C-alpha atoms as a PDB file:
ATOM      1  CA  UNK A   1      88.073 119.881 109.186  1.00  0.00           C
ATOM      2  CA  UNK A   2      89.959 119.149 112.312  1.00  0.00           C
ATOM      3  CA  UNK A   3      93.682 120.193 113.068  1.00  0.00           C
ATOM      4  CA  UNK A   4      97.027 118.352 114.664  1.00  0.00           C
ATOM      5  CA  UNK A   5     100.285 119.589 115.342  1.00  0.00           C
ATOM      6  CA  UNK A   6     103.255 117.237 114.324  1.00  0.00           C
ATOM      7  CA  UNK A   7     103.807 116.522 118.002  1.00  0.00           C
ATOM      8  CA  UNK A   8     100.167 115.276 118.307  1.00  0.00           C
ATOM      9  CA  UNK A   9     100.511 113.161 115.252  1.00  0.00           C
ATOM     10  CA  UNK A  10     103.509 111.707 116.711  1.00  0.00           C
ATOM     11  CA  UNK A  11     102.396 111.056 120.253  1.00  0.00           C
ATOM     12  CA  UNK A  12      98.833 109.771 118.823  1.00  0.00           C
ATOM     13  CA  UNK A  13      98.547 108.620 115.560  1.00  0.00           C
ATOM     14  CA  UNK A  14      95.801 106.990 115.728  1.00  0.00           C
ATOM     15  CA  UNK A  15      93.619 109.463 117.173  1.00  0.00           C
ATOM     16  CA  UNK A  16      94.434 111.393 113.851  1.00  0.00           C
ATOM     17  CA  UNK A  17      93.312 108.382 111.571  1.00  0.00           C
ATOM     18  CA  UNK A  18      89.846 108.021 113.450  1.00  0.00           C
ATOM     19  CA  UNK A  19      89.172 111.765 113.275  1.00  0.00           C
ATOM     20  CA  UNK A  20      90.534 111.225 109.697  1.00  0.00           C
ATOM     21  CA  UNK A  21      87.782 108.724 108.916  1.00  0.00           C
ATOM     22  CA  UNK A  22      85.153 111.355 109.556  1.00  0.00           C
ATOM     23  CA  UNK A  23      86.649 114.667 108.022  1.00  0.00           C
ATOM     24  CA  UNK A  24      90.029 115.581 106.573  1.00  0.00           C
ATOM     25  CA  UNK A  25      92.612 116.279 109.365  1.00  0.00           C
ATOM     26  CA  UNK A  26      94.983 119.148 108.747  1.00  0.00           C
ATOM     27  CA  UNK A  27      98.857 118.716 109.998  1.00  0.00           C
ATOM     28  CA  UNK A  28     100.464 121.683 111.345  1.00  0.00           C
ATOM     29  CA  UNK A  29     103.797 122.557 111.346  1.00  0.00           C
ATOM     30  CA  UNK A  30     103.923 125.542 114.130  1.00  0.00           C
ATOM     31  CA  UNK A  31     101.322 128.048 112.390  1.00  0.00           C
ATOM     32  CA  UNK A  32     101.783 126.125 108.678  1.00  0.00           C
ATOM     33  CA  UNK A  33      99.851 123.364 106.831  1.00  0.00           C
ATOM     34  CA  UNK A  34     102.477 120.456 106.524  1.00  0.00           C
ATOM     35  CA  UNK A  35      99.963 117.449 105.137  1.00  0.00           C
ATOM     36  CA  UNK A  36      96.283 116.747 104.876  1.00  0.00           C
ATOM     37  CA  UNK A  37      95.262 113.193 106.402  1.00  0.00           C
ATOM     38  CA  UNK A  38      92.506 111.759 104.420  1.00  0.00           C
ATOM     39  CA  UNK A  39      90.971 108.488 104.947  1.00  0.00           C
ATOM     40  CA  UNK A  40      90.651 106.577 102.041  1.00  0.00           C
ATOM     41  CA  UNK A  41      87.189 104.550 102.815  1.00  0.00           C
ATOM     42  CA  UNK A  42      87.081 103.181  99.152  1.00  0.00           C
ATOM     43  CA  UNK A  43      83.430 103.206  99.634  1.00  0.00           C
ATOM     44  CA  UNK A  44      82.822 106.812  99.515  1.00  0.00           C
ATOM     45  CA  UNK A  45      85.666 107.403  97.354  1.00  0.00           C
ATOM     46  CA  UNK A  46      84.706 109.641  94.229  1.00  0.00           C
ATOM     47  CA  UNK A  47      85.459 107.868  90.865  1.00  0.00           C
ATOM     48  CA  UNK A  48      87.155 105.351  92.671  1.00  0.00           C
ATOM     49  CA  UNK A  49      89.122 103.974  90.264  1.00  0.00           C
ATOM     50  CA  UNK A  50      90.046 107.219  89.028  1.00  0.00           C
ATOM     51  CA  UNK A  51      91.289 107.820  92.508  1.00  0.00           C
ATOM     52  CA  UNK A  52      93.014 104.555  93.192  1.00  0.00           C
ATOM     53  CA  UNK A  53      95.260 105.388  89.519  1.00  0.00           C
ATOM     54  CA  UNK A  54      96.125 109.027  90.530  1.00  0.00           C
ATOM     55  CA  UNK A  55      97.395 107.536  93.709  1.00  0.00           C
ATOM     56  CA  UNK A  56      99.211 104.551  92.163  1.00  0.00           C
ATOM     57  CA  UNK A  57     100.884 107.146  89.239  1.00  0.00           C
ATOM     58  CA  UNK A  58     102.394 109.332  92.451  1.00  0.00           C
ATOM     59  CA  UNK A  59     103.539 106.497  94.367  1.00  0.00           C
ATOM     60  CA  UNK A  60     105.197 105.293  91.593  1.00  0.00           C
ATOM     61  CA  UNK A  61     106.621 108.484  90.516  1.00  0.00           C
ATOM     62  CA  UNK A  62     108.017 109.590  93.708  1.00  0.00           C
ATOM     63  CA  UNK A  63     109.850 106.034  94.326  1.00  0.00           C
ATOM     64  CA  UNK A  64     107.785 104.904  97.113  1.00  0.00           C
ATOM     65  CA  UNK A  65     106.320 101.894  94.954  1.00  0.00           C
ATOM     66  CA  UNK A  66     107.544  99.861  91.924  1.00  0.00           C
ATOM     67  CA  UNK A  67     105.663  99.447  88.693  1.00  0.00           C
ATOM     68  CA  UNK A  68     104.135  96.353  89.566  1.00  0.00           C
ATOM     69  CA  UNK A  69     102.776  97.321  93.327  1.00  0.00           C
ATOM     70  CA  UNK A  70     101.406 100.525  91.439  1.00  0.00           C
ATOM     71  CA  UNK A  71      99.579  98.296  89.171  1.00  0.00           C
ATOM     72  CA  UNK A  72      98.204  96.602  92.158  1.00  0.00           C
ATOM     73  CA  UNK A  73      97.133  99.570  93.893  1.00  0.00           C
ATOM     74  CA  UNK A  74      95.238 100.920  90.908  1.00  0.00           C
ATOM     75  CA  UNK A  75      93.700  97.804  90.127  1.00  0.00           C
ATOM     76  CA  UNK A  76      95.354  97.454  86.167  1.00  0.00           C
ATOM     77  CA  UNK A  77      97.477  95.498  84.693  1.00  0.00           C
ATOM     78  CA  UNK A  78     101.174  96.393  84.545  1.00  0.00           C
ATOM     79  CA  UNK A  79     100.354  97.357  80.681  1.00  0.00           C
ATOM     80  CA  UNK A  80      97.414  99.661  81.375  1.00  0.00           C
ATOM     81  CA  UNK A  81      99.937 101.252  84.377  1.00  0.00           C
ATOM     82  CA  UNK A  82     102.850 101.984  81.741  1.00  0.00           C
ATOM     83  CA  UNK A  83     100.326 103.281  79.361  1.00  0.00           C
ATOM     84  CA  UNK A  84      98.817 105.661  81.957  1.00  0.00           C
ATOM     85  CA  UNK A  85     102.035 107.069  83.024  1.00  0.00           C
ATOM     86  CA  UNK A  86     103.234 107.388  79.828  1.00  0.00           C
ATOM     87  CA  UNK A  87     100.384 109.793  78.921  1.00  0.00           C
ATOM     88  CA  UNK A  88     101.110 111.839  82.311  1.00  0.00           C
ATOM     89  CA  UNK A  89     104.986 111.669  80.872  1.00  0.00           C
ATOM     90  CA  UNK A  90     106.727 109.857  83.770  1.00  0.00           C
ATOM     91  CA  UNK A  91     109.401 107.776  82.622  1.00  0.00           C
ATOM     92  CA  UNK A  92     108.609 103.908  83.613  1.00  0.00           C
ATOM     93  CA  UNK A  93     112.623 102.974  82.872  1.00  0.00           C
ATOM     94  CA  UNK A  94     114.962 104.743  84.752  1.00  0.00           C
ATOM     95  CA  UNK A  95     118.943 104.473  84.115  1.00  0.00           C
ATOM     96  CA  UNK A  96     121.426 105.424  81.655  1.00  0.00           C
ATOM     97  CA  UNK A  97     122.405 103.524  78.521  1.00  0.00           C
ATOM     98  CA  UNK A  98     124.985 101.437  80.339  1.00  0.00           C
ATOM     99  CA  UNK A  99     122.292 100.018  82.674  1.00  0.00           C
ATOM    100  CA  UNK A 100     120.274  99.750  79.426  1.00  0.00           C
ATOM    101  CA  UNK A 101     123.115  97.694  78.131  1.00  0.00           C
ATOM    102  CA  UNK A 102     123.686  95.455  81.244  1.00  0.00           C
ATOM    103  CA  UNK A 103     120.163  94.694  81.291  1.00  0.00           C
ATOM    104  CA  UNK A 104     120.098  93.152  77.814  1.00  0.00           C
ATOM    105  CA  UNK A 105     122.883  91.231  78.417  1.00  0.00           C
ATOM    106  CA  UNK A 106     121.124  89.919  81.236  1.00  0.00           C
ATOM    107  CA  UNK A 107     117.900  89.194  79.480  1.00  0.00           C
ATOM    108  CA  UNK A 108     119.961  87.876  76.611  1.00  0.00           C
ATOM    109  CA  UNK A 109     121.709  85.022  79.074  1.00  0.00           C
ATOM    110  CA  UNK A 110     118.326  84.297  80.739  1.00  0.00           C
ATOM    111  CA  UNK A 111     116.549  83.674  77.359  1.00  0.00           C
ATOM    112  CA  UNK A 112     119.444  81.672  76.149  1.00  0.00           C
ATOM    113  CA  UNK A 113     119.346  79.533  79.316  1.00  0.00           C
ATOM    114  CA  UNK A 114     115.635  78.446  79.057  1.00  0.00           C
END
């Protein structure tokens, strides 16, 4: 396993990515591990569907991607993604009661205009 510091990564990210294609690259901030770069060669990932599903769930949970995008990353339907997130205890719908009320009103308006 190779390691790079944050400055090296910033100055030459392509080199770190090329190195990650051969083996994981540990990113150090000072003397402390900060991140791990893994090459996502989809041909060599163990249990590829499970890895993609886990990645998609983590991206959705962190707010980095929408529900639809998470489903596409995992190559599953939105319904299957919702079921998976539910099993993990991840809230699929965000917001409070006021948001839900507004969404319902908008949906009712849309349905009546269709």
